[in-house]
Every structure is written in structure tokens, then in C-alpha cells.
PDB file of N, CA and C in Angstrom:
ATOM      1  N   MET A   1      25.238  -2.173  31.709  1.00  0.00           N
ATOM      2  CA  MET A   1      24.828  -2.968  30.590  1.00  0.00           C
ATOM      3  C   MET A   1      25.378  -2.329  29.319  1.00  0.00           C
ATOM      4  N   LEU A   2      25.975  -3.121  28.487  1.00  0.00           N
ATOM      5  CA  LEU A   2      26.582  -2.649  27.254  1.00  0.00           C
ATOM      6  C   LEU A   2      25.676  -3.022  26.089  1.00  0.00           C
ATOM      7  N   ILE A   3      25.381  -2.060  25.239  1.00  0.00           N
ATOM      8  CA  ILE A   3      24.506  -2.296  24.095  1.00  0.00           C
ATOM      9  C   ILE A   3      25.301  -2.023  22.824  1.00  0.00           C
ATOM     10  N   ALA A   4      25.270  -2.974  21.914  1.00  0.00           N
ATOM     11  CA  ALA A   4      25.935  -2.790  20.622  1.00  0.00           C
ATOM     12  C   ALA A   4      24.954  -2.123  19.668  1.00  0.00           C
ATOM     13  N   VAL A   5      25.380  -1.020  19.081  1.00  0.00           N
ATOM     14  CA  VAL A   5      24.539  -0.275  18.158  1.00  0.00           C
ATOM     15  C   VAL A   5      25.167  -0.342  16.772  1.00  0.00           C
ATOM     16  N   ARG A   6      24.341  -0.646  15.791  1.00  0.00           N
ATOM     17  CA  ARG A   6      24.849  -0.691  14.419  1.00  0.00           C
ATOM     18  C   ARG A   6      25.162   0.717  13.934  1.00  0.00           C
ATOM     19  N   ALA A   7      26.179   0.809  13.130  1.00  0.00           N
ATOM     20  CA  ALA A   7      26.552   2.108  12.566  1.00  0.00           C
ATOM     21  C   ALA A   7      25.520   2.525  11.534  1.00  0.00           C
ATOM     22  N   ASN A   8      25.250   3.813  11.461  1.00  0.00           N
ATOM     23  CA  ASN A   8      24.345   4.413  10.473  1.00  0.00           C
ATOM     24  C   ASN A   8      22.916   3.895  10.564  1.00  0.00           C
ATOM     25  N   TRP A   9      22.451   3.532  11.734  1.00  0.00           N
ATOM     26  CA  TRP A   9      21.082   3.024  11.868  1.00  0.00           C
ATOM     27  C   TRP A   9      20.057   4.114  11.599  1.00  0.00           C
ATOM     28  N   GLN A  10      20.415   5.353  11.893  1.00  0.00           N
ATOM     29  CA  GLN A  10      19.492   6.456  11.647  1.00  0.00           C
ATOM     30  C   GLN A  10      19.333   6.723  10.151  1.00  0.00           C
ATOM     31  N   ASP A  11      20.394   6.564   9.408  1.00  0.00           N
ATOM     32  CA  ASP A  11      20.317   6.752   7.959  1.00  0.00           C
ATOM     33  C   ASP A  11      19.392   5.720   7.332  1.00  0.00           C
ATOM     34  N   ARG A  12      19.459   4.490   7.820  1.00  0.00           N
ATOM     35  CA  ARG A  12      18.585   3.448   7.281  1.00  0.00           C
ATOM     36  C   ARG A  12      17.123   3.742   7.612  1.00  0.00           C
ATOM     37  N   LEU A  13      16.869   4.246   8.826  1.00  0.00           N
ATOM     38  CA  LEU A  13      15.495   4.604   9.180  1.00  0.00           C
ATOM     39  C   LEU A  13      14.989   5.755   8.317  1.00  0.00           C
ATOM     40  N   ALA A  14      15.810   6.749   8.121  1.00  0.00           N
ATOM     41  CA  ALA A  14      15.406   7.912   7.321  1.00  0.00           C
ATOM     42  C   ALA A  14      15.128   7.531   5.872  1.00  0.00           C
ATOM     43  N   ALA A  15      15.822   6.532   5.364  1.00  0.00           N
ATOM     44  CA  ALA A  15      15.629   6.103   3.975  1.00  0.00           C
ATOM     45  C   ALA A  15      14.394   5.224   3.813  1.00  0.00           C
ATOM     46  N   ASP A  16      13.875   4.678   4.882  1.00  0.00           N
ATOM     47  CA  ASP A  16      12.713   3.780   4.816  1.00  0.00           C
ATOM     48  C   ASP A  16      11.431   4.614   4.707  1.00  0.00           C
ATOM     49  N   PRO A  17      10.688   4.524   3.590  1.00  0.00           N
ATOM     50  CA  PRO A  17       9.477   5.340   3.432  1.00  0.00           C
ATOM     51  C   PRO A  17       8.383   4.961   4.439  1.00  0.00           C
ATOM     52  N   ASP A  18       8.335   3.706   4.854  1.00  0.00           N
ATOM     53  CA  ASP A  18       7.327   3.298   5.845  1.00  0.00           C
ATOM     54  C   ASP A  18       7.585   3.962   7.193  1.00  0.00           C
ATOM     55  N   TYR A  19       8.855   4.125   7.552  1.00  0.00           N
ATOM     56  CA  TYR A  19       9.185   4.770   8.820  1.00  0.00           C
ATOM     57  C   TYR A  19       8.745   6.231   8.793  1.00  0.00           C
ATOM     58  N   ARG A  20       9.011   6.934   7.695  1.00  0.00           N
ATOM     59  CA  ARG A  20       8.650   8.344   7.600  1.00  0.00           C
ATOM     60  C   ARG A  20       7.129   8.502   7.720  1.00  0.00           C
ATOM     61  N   THR A  21       6.367   7.627   7.070  1.00  0.00           N
ATOM     62  CA  THR A  21       4.904   7.675   7.160  1.00  0.00           C
ATOM     63  C   THR A  21       4.460   7.443   8.596  1.00  0.00           C
ATOM     64  N   TRP A  22       5.042   6.436   9.241  1.00  0.00           N
ATOM     65  CA  TRP A  22       4.694   6.114  10.624  1.00  0.00           C
ATOM     66  C   TRP A  22       5.059   7.272  11.551  1.00  0.00           C
ATOM     67  N   ALA A  23       6.257   7.838  11.362  1.00  0.00           N
ATOM     68  CA  ALA A  23       6.724   8.920  12.229  1.00  0.00           C
ATOM     69  C   ALA A  23       5.833  10.160  12.076  1.00  0.00           C
ATOM     70  N   ASP A  24       5.441  10.485  10.857  1.00  0.00           N
ATOM     71  CA  ASP A  24       4.566  11.642  10.632  1.00  0.00           C
ATOM     72  C   ASP A  24       3.201  11.429  11.270  1.00  0.00           C
ATOM     73  N   ALA A  25       2.652  10.205  11.128  1.00  0.00           N
ATOM     74  CA  ALA A  25       1.347   9.904  11.732  1.00  0.00           C
ATOM     75  C   ALA A  25       1.438   9.977  13.251  1.00  0.00           C
ATOM     76  N   ARG A  26       2.520   9.461  13.799  1.00  0.00           N
ATOM     77  CA  ARG A  26       2.710   9.493  15.256  1.00  0.00           C
ATOM     78  C   ARG A  26       2.841  10.936  15.772  1.00  0.00           C
ATOM     79  N   ALA A  27       3.573  11.773  15.048  1.00  0.00           N
ATOM     80  CA  ALA A  27       3.736  13.174  15.454  1.00  0.00           C
ATOM     81  C   ALA A  27       2.398  13.904  15.405  1.00  0.00           C
ATOM     82  N   ALA A  28       1.594  13.634  14.366  1.00  0.00           N
ATOM     83  CA  ALA A  28       0.280  14.280  14.260  1.00  0.00           C
ATOM     84  C   ALA A  28      -0.633  13.810  15.394  1.00  0.00           C
ATOM     85  N   GLU A  29      -0.569  12.526  15.719  1.00  0.00           N
ATOM     86  CA  GLU A  29      -1.371  11.982  16.824  1.00  0.00           C
ATOM     87  C   GLU A  29      -0.968  12.609  18.158  1.00  0.00           C
ATOM     88  N   ASP A  30       0.320  12.741  18.380  1.00  0.00           N
ATOM     89  CA  ASP A  30       0.815  13.363  19.612  1.00  0.00           C
ATOM     90  C   ASP A  30       0.378  14.824  19.705  1.00  0.00           C
ATOM     91  N   GLN A  31       0.423  15.532  18.582  1.00  0.00           N
ATOM     92  CA  GLN A  31       0.020  16.939  18.570  1.00  0.00           C
ATOM     93  C   GLN A  31      -1.462  17.072  18.890  1.00  0.00           C
ATOM     94  N   ARG A  32      -2.295  16.216  18.302  1.00  0.00           N
ATOM     95  CA  ARG A  32      -3.736  16.258  18.583  1.00  0.00           C
ATOM     96  C   ARG A  32      -4.010  15.946  20.051  1.00  0.00           C
ATOM     97  N   ALA A  33      -3.311  14.950  20.593  1.00  0.00           N
ATOM     98  CA  ALA A  33      -3.514  14.584  22.001  1.00  0.00           C
ATOM     99  C   ALA A  33      -3.117  15.744  22.916  1.00  0.00           C
ATOM    100  N   PHE A  34      -2.013  16.412  22.595  1.00  0.00           N
ATOM    101  CA  PHE A  34      -1.576  17.538  23.416  1.00  0.00           C
ATOM    102  C   PHE A  34      -2.578  18.686  23.346  1.00  0.00           C
ATOM    103  N   GLU A  35      -3.065  18.992  22.141  1.00  0.00           N
ATOM    104  CA  GLU A  35      -4.032  20.077  22.003  1.00  0.00           C
ATOM    105  C   GLU A  35      -5.336  19.762  22.735  1.00  0.00           C
ATOM    106  N   ASP A  36      -5.763  18.501  22.686  1.00  0.00           N
ATOM    107  CA  ASP A  36      -6.965  18.103  23.425  1.00  0.00           C
ATOM    108  C   ASP A  36      -6.743  18.271  24.925  1.00  0.00           C
ATOM    109  N   TRP A  37      -5.570  17.868  25.407  1.00  0.00           N
ATOM    110  CA  TRP A  37      -5.251  18.003  26.829  1.00  0.00           C
ATOM    111  C   TRP A  37      -5.197  19.477  27.226  1.00  0.00           C
ATOM    112  N   LEU A  38      -4.581  20.293  26.369  1.00  0.00           N
ATOM    113  CA  LEU A  38      -4.441  21.714  26.665  1.00  0.00           C
ATOM    114  C   LEU A  38      -5.792  22.415  26.705  1.00  0.00           C
ATOM    115  N   ASP A  39      -6.757  21.944  25.908  1.00  0.00           N
ATOM    116  CA  ASP A  39      -8.097  22.527  25.913  1.00  0.00           C
ATOM    117  C   ASP A  39      -8.918  22.070  27.111  1.00  0.00           C
ATOM    118  N   GLY A  40      -8.484  21.028  27.796  1.00  0.00           N
ATOM    119  CA  GLY A  40      -9.207  20.516  28.954  1.00  0.00           C
ATOM    120  C   GLY A  40      -8.892  21.306  30.213  1.00  0.00           C
ATOM    121  N   PRO A  41      -9.577  20.979  31.315  1.00  0.00           N
ATOM    122  CA  PRO A  41      -9.373  21.726  32.569  1.00  0.00           C
ATOM    123  C   PRO A  41      -7.952  21.580  33.124  1.00  0.00           C
ATOM    124  N   GLU A  42      -7.370  20.406  33.007  1.00  0.00           N
ATOM    125  CA  GLU A  42      -6.012  20.216  33.525  1.00  0.00           C
ATOM    126  C   GLU A  42      -5.005  21.034  32.719  1.00  0.00           C
ATOM    127  N   GLY A  43      -5.168  21.063  31.413  1.00  0.00           N
ATOM    128  CA  GLY A  43      -4.271  21.842  30.558  1.00  0.00           C
ATOM    129  C   GLY A  43      -4.403  23.333  30.809  1.00  0.00           C
ATOM    130  N   ARG A  44      -5.646  23.811  30.983  1.00  0.00           N
ATOM    131  CA  ARG A  44      -5.843  25.241  31.269  1.00  0.00           C
ATOM    132  C   ARG A  44      -5.230  25.614  32.616  1.00  0.00           C
ATOM    133  N   ALA A  45      -5.368  24.717  33.611  1.00  0.00           N
ATOM    134  CA  ALA A  45      -4.776  24.992  34.926  1.00  0.00           C
ATOM    135  C   ALA A  45      -3.251  25.060  34.816  1.00  0.00           C
ATOM    136  N   TRP A  46      -2.662  24.143  34.041  1.00  0.00           N
ATOM    137  CA  TRP A  46      -1.210  24.158  33.847  1.00  0.00           C
ATOM    138  C   TRP A  46      -0.781  25.440  33.148  1.00  0.00           C
ATOM    139  N   LEU A  47      -1.521  25.830  32.106  1.00  0.00           N
ATOM    140  CA  LEU A  47      -1.175  27.029  31.364  1.00  0.00           C
ATOM    141  C   LEU A  47      -1.282  28.273  32.240  1.00  0.00           C
ATOM    142  N   ASN A  48      -2.316  28.361  33.066  1.00  0.00           N
ATOM    143  CA  ASN A  48      -2.455  29.497  33.980  1.00  0.00           C
ATOM    144  C   ASN A  48      -1.316  29.541  34.993  1.00  0.00           C
ATOM    145  N   ALA A  49      -0.896  28.370  35.488  1.00  0.00           N
ATOM    146  CA  ALA A  49       0.238  28.328  36.419  1.00  0.00           C
ATOM    147  C   ALA A  49       1.516  28.798  35.731  1.00  0.00           C
ATOM    148  N   GLU A  50       1.702  28.413  34.480  1.00  0.00           N
ATOM    149  CA  GLU A  50       2.882  28.860  33.732  1.00  0.00           C
ATOM    150  C   GLU A  50       2.847  30.370  33.510  1.00  0.00           C
ATOM    151  N   ILE A  51       1.674  30.899  33.234  1.00  0.00           N
ATOM    152  CA  ILE A  51       1.539  32.345  33.036  1.00  0.00           C
ATOM    153  C   ILE A  51       1.879  33.092  34.328  1.00  0.00           C
ATOM    154  N   ARG A  52       1.371  32.598  35.467  1.00  0.00           N
ATOM    155  CA  ARG A  52       1.683  33.240  36.750  1.00  0.00           C
ATOM    156  C   ARG A  52       3.177  33.176  37.054  1.00  0.00           C
ATOM    157  N   THR A  53       3.798  32.026  36.781  1.00  0.00           N
ATOM    158  CA  THR A  53       5.235  31.874  37.031  1.00  0.00           C
ATOM    159  C   THR A  53       6.036  32.846  36.170  1.00  0.00           C
ATOM    160  N   GLU A  54       5.677  32.966  34.910  1.00  0.00           N
ATOM    161  CA  GLU A  54       6.384  33.891  34.014  1.00  0.00           C
ATOM    162  C   GLU A  54       6.173  35.336  34.454  1.00  0.00           C
ATOM    163  N   GLU A  55       4.964  35.647  34.888  1.00  0.00           N
ATOM    164  CA  GLU A  55       4.668  36.995  35.372  1.00  0.00           C
ATOM    165  C   GLU A  55       5.529  37.324  36.607  1.00  0.00           C
ATOM    166  N   GLU A  56       5.655  36.382  37.523  1.00  0.00           N
ATOM    167  CA  GLU A  56       6.481  36.602  38.715  1.00  0.00           C
ATOM    168  C   GLU A  56       7.952  36.725  38.354  1.00  0.00           C
ATOM    169  N   ARG A  57       8.388  35.976  37.346  1.00  0.00           N
ATOM    170  CA  ARG A  57       9.790  36.049  36.929  1.00  0.00           C
ATOM    171  C   ARG A  57      10.084  37.395  36.263  1.00  0.00           C
ATOM    172  N   ARG A  58       9.181  37.852  35.419  1.00  0.00           N
ATOM    173  CA  ARG A  58       9.418  39.105  34.690  1.00  0.00           C
ATOM    174  C   ARG A  58       9.230  40.338  35.560  1.00  0.00           C
ATOM    175  N   TYR A  59       8.299  40.281  36.505  1.00  0.00           N
ATOM    176  CA  TYR A  59       7.990  41.444  37.342  1.00  0.00           C
ATOM    177  C   TYR A  59       8.015  41.034  38.816  1.00  0.00           C
ATOM    178  N   PRO A  60       9.210  40.827  39.386  1.00  0.00           N
ATOM    179  CA  PRO A  60       9.268  40.358  40.772  1.00  0.00           C
ATOM    180  C   PRO A  60       8.689  41.357  41.778  1.00  0.00           C
ATOM    181  N   TYR A  61       8.602  42.623  41.433  1.00  0.00           N
ATOM    182  CA  TYR A  61       8.074  43.630  42.353  1.00  0.00           C
ATOM    183  C   TYR A  61       6.718  44.154  41.899  1.00  0.00           C
ATOM    184  N   GLY A  62       6.067  43.425  41.008  1.00  0.00           N
ATOM    185  CA  GLY A  62       4.763  43.846  40.499  1.00  0.00           C
ATOM    186  C   GLY A  62       4.897  44.537  39.159  1.00  0.00           C
ATOM    187  N   ARG A  63       3.809  44.575  38.445  1.00  0.00           N
ATOM    188  CA  ARG A  63       3.815  45.220  37.128  1.00  0.00           C
ATOM    189  C   ARG A  63       3.999  46.727  37.271  1.00  0.00           C
ATOM    190  N   PRO A  64       4.660  47.356  36.307  1.00  0.00           N
ATOM    191  CA  PRO A  64       4.896  48.801  36.391  1.00  0.00           C
ATOM    192  C   PRO A  64       3.606  49.620  36.498  1.00  0.00           C
ATOM    193  N   GLU A  65       2.518  49.190  35.852  1.00  0.00           N
ATOM    194  CA  GLU A  65       1.285  49.975  35.929  1.00  0.00           C
ATOM    195  C   GLU A  65       0.634  49.904  37.305  1.00  0.00           C
ATOM    196  N   ARG A  66       1.068  48.971  38.140  1.00  0.00           N
ATOM    197  CA  ARG A  66       0.558  48.887  39.513  1.00  0.00           C
ATOM    198  C   ARG A  66       1.491  49.577  40.508  1.00  0.00           C
ATOM    199  N   ASP A  67       2.338  50.424  40.011  1.00  0.00           N
ATOM    200  CA  ASP A  67       3.316  51.109  40.853  1.00  0.00           C
ATOM    201  C   ASP A  67       2.587  52.006  41.851  1.00  0.00           C
ATOM    202  N   THR A  68       3.027  51.958  43.093  1.00  0.00           N
ATOM    203  CA  THR A  68       2.363  52.739  44.145  1.00  0.00           C
ATOM    204  C   THR A  68       2.978  54.122  44.334  1.00  0.00           C
ATOM    205  N   GLY A  69       3.991  54.449  43.544  1.00  0.00           N
ATOM    206  CA  GLY A  69       4.566  55.778  43.621  1.00  0.00           C
ATOM    207  C   GLY A  69       5.727  55.894  44.589  1.00  0.00           C
ATOM    208  N   TRP A  70       6.282  54.776  45.051  1.00  0.00           N
ATOM    209  CA  TRP A  70       7.419  54.879  45.960  1.00  0.00           C
ATOM    210  C   TRP A  70       8.630  55.359  45.189  1.00  0.00           C
ATOM    211  N   ARG A  71       9.588  55.881  45.896  1.00  0.00           N
ATOM    212  CA  ARG A  71      10.817  56.341  45.253  1.00  0.00           C
ATOM    213  C   ARG A  71      11.997  55.977  46.141  1.00  0.00           C
ATOM    214  N   TRP A  72      13.164  55.995  45.541  1.00  0.00           N
ATOM    215  CA  TRP A  72      14.376  55.688  46.288  1.00  0.00           C
ATOM    216  C   TRP A  72      14.686  56.835  47.235  1.00  0.00           C
ATOM    217  N   GLU A  73      15.159  56.497  48.408  1.00  0.00           N
ATOM    218  CA  GLU A  73      15.605  57.533  49.334  1.00  0.00           C
ATOM    219  C   GLU A  73      16.982  57.996  48.929  1.00  0.00           C
ATOM    220  N   ARG A  74      17.278  59.236  49.210  1.00  0.00           N
ATOM    221  CA  ARG A  74      18.603  59.746  48.912  1.00  0.00           C
ATOM    222  C   ARG A  74      19.565  59.276  50.000  1.00  0.00           C
ATOM    223  N   PRO A  75      20.751  58.869  49.593  1.00  0.00           N
ATOM    224  CA  PRO A  75      21.720  58.431  50.603  1.00  0.00           C
ATOM    225  C   PRO A  75      22.178  59.605  51.465  1.00  0.00           C
ATOM    226  N   THR A  76      22.463  59.335  52.694  1.00  0.00           N
ATOM    227  CA  THR A  76      22.912  60.379  53.605  1.00  0.00           C
ATOM    228  C   THR A  76      24.350  60.093  54.047  1.00  0.00           C
ATOM    229  N   TRP A  77      25.204  59.780  53.082  1.00  0.00           N
ATOM    230  CA  TRP A  77      26.584  59.467  53.422  1.00  0.00           C
ATOM    231  C   TRP A  77      27.270  60.669  54.035  1.00  0.00           C
ATOM    232  N   GLY A  78      27.997  60.409  55.047  1.00  0.00           N
ATOM    233  CA  GLY A  78      28.769  61.459  55.703  1.00  0.00           C
ATOM    234  C   GLY A  78      27.993  62.302  56.673  1.00  0.00           C
ATOM    235  N   SER A  79      26.705  62.047  56.812  1.00  0.00           N
ATOM    236  CA  SER A  79      25.956  62.853  57.787  1.00  0.00           C
ATOM    237  C   SER A  79      26.124  62.225  59.170  1.00  0.00           C
ATOM    238  N   ALA A  80      26.120  63.040  60.191  1.00  0.00           N
ATOM    239  CA  ALA A  80      26.361  62.579  61.553  1.00  0.00           C
ATOM    240  C   ALA A  80      25.055  62.248  62.286  1.00  0.00           C
ATOM    241  N   SER A  81      23.962  62.264  61.607  1.00  0.00           N
ATOM    242  CA  SER A  81      22.708  62.055  62.318  1.00  0.00           C
ATOM    243  C   SER A  81      22.381  60.634  62.543  1.00  0.00           C
TER     244      SER A  81
END
């Protein structure tokens, strides 16, 4: 499907004071809705899942303070054992 778009349509929208008022009100409404969702149980569950994912990405072998004291073995190159 081919759609014809007028040139400079964004400039005309930006110059329209009613559009700017509407866009600002819509952005504020969206922000309030997101904050309400984030404060709810579903938003907290999503945020906790994101925190766990980031923790696993940053510390794939566990956090440094939970280190069990393991160390690298020394290589035994050239030994016949």
C-alpha cells in the first residue's frame, strides 16, 4: 500500500499551539498511567524480574561478596603425569 505524505507535515504540527497543548497533556497522562502501573503488583513483579535479569547479566558467576574462595588451578603444561 502506497501512502502519500505531505511535505513538512511535522513543521505544521509543531507550529500549531493546540497540538503542543494536546501532546503535553497526553504525555503527562501516559506518565501518570505508567507510574500507577509500576506501583501496582504487576509493575513491581516486572521491576523485580528486570532487577534479577540485570543481576544475572552483571554477575554471571554470582556476586563477588558471595565468593566461596575458589581459585584457578595452575597449569601443568609439559608434565608427563
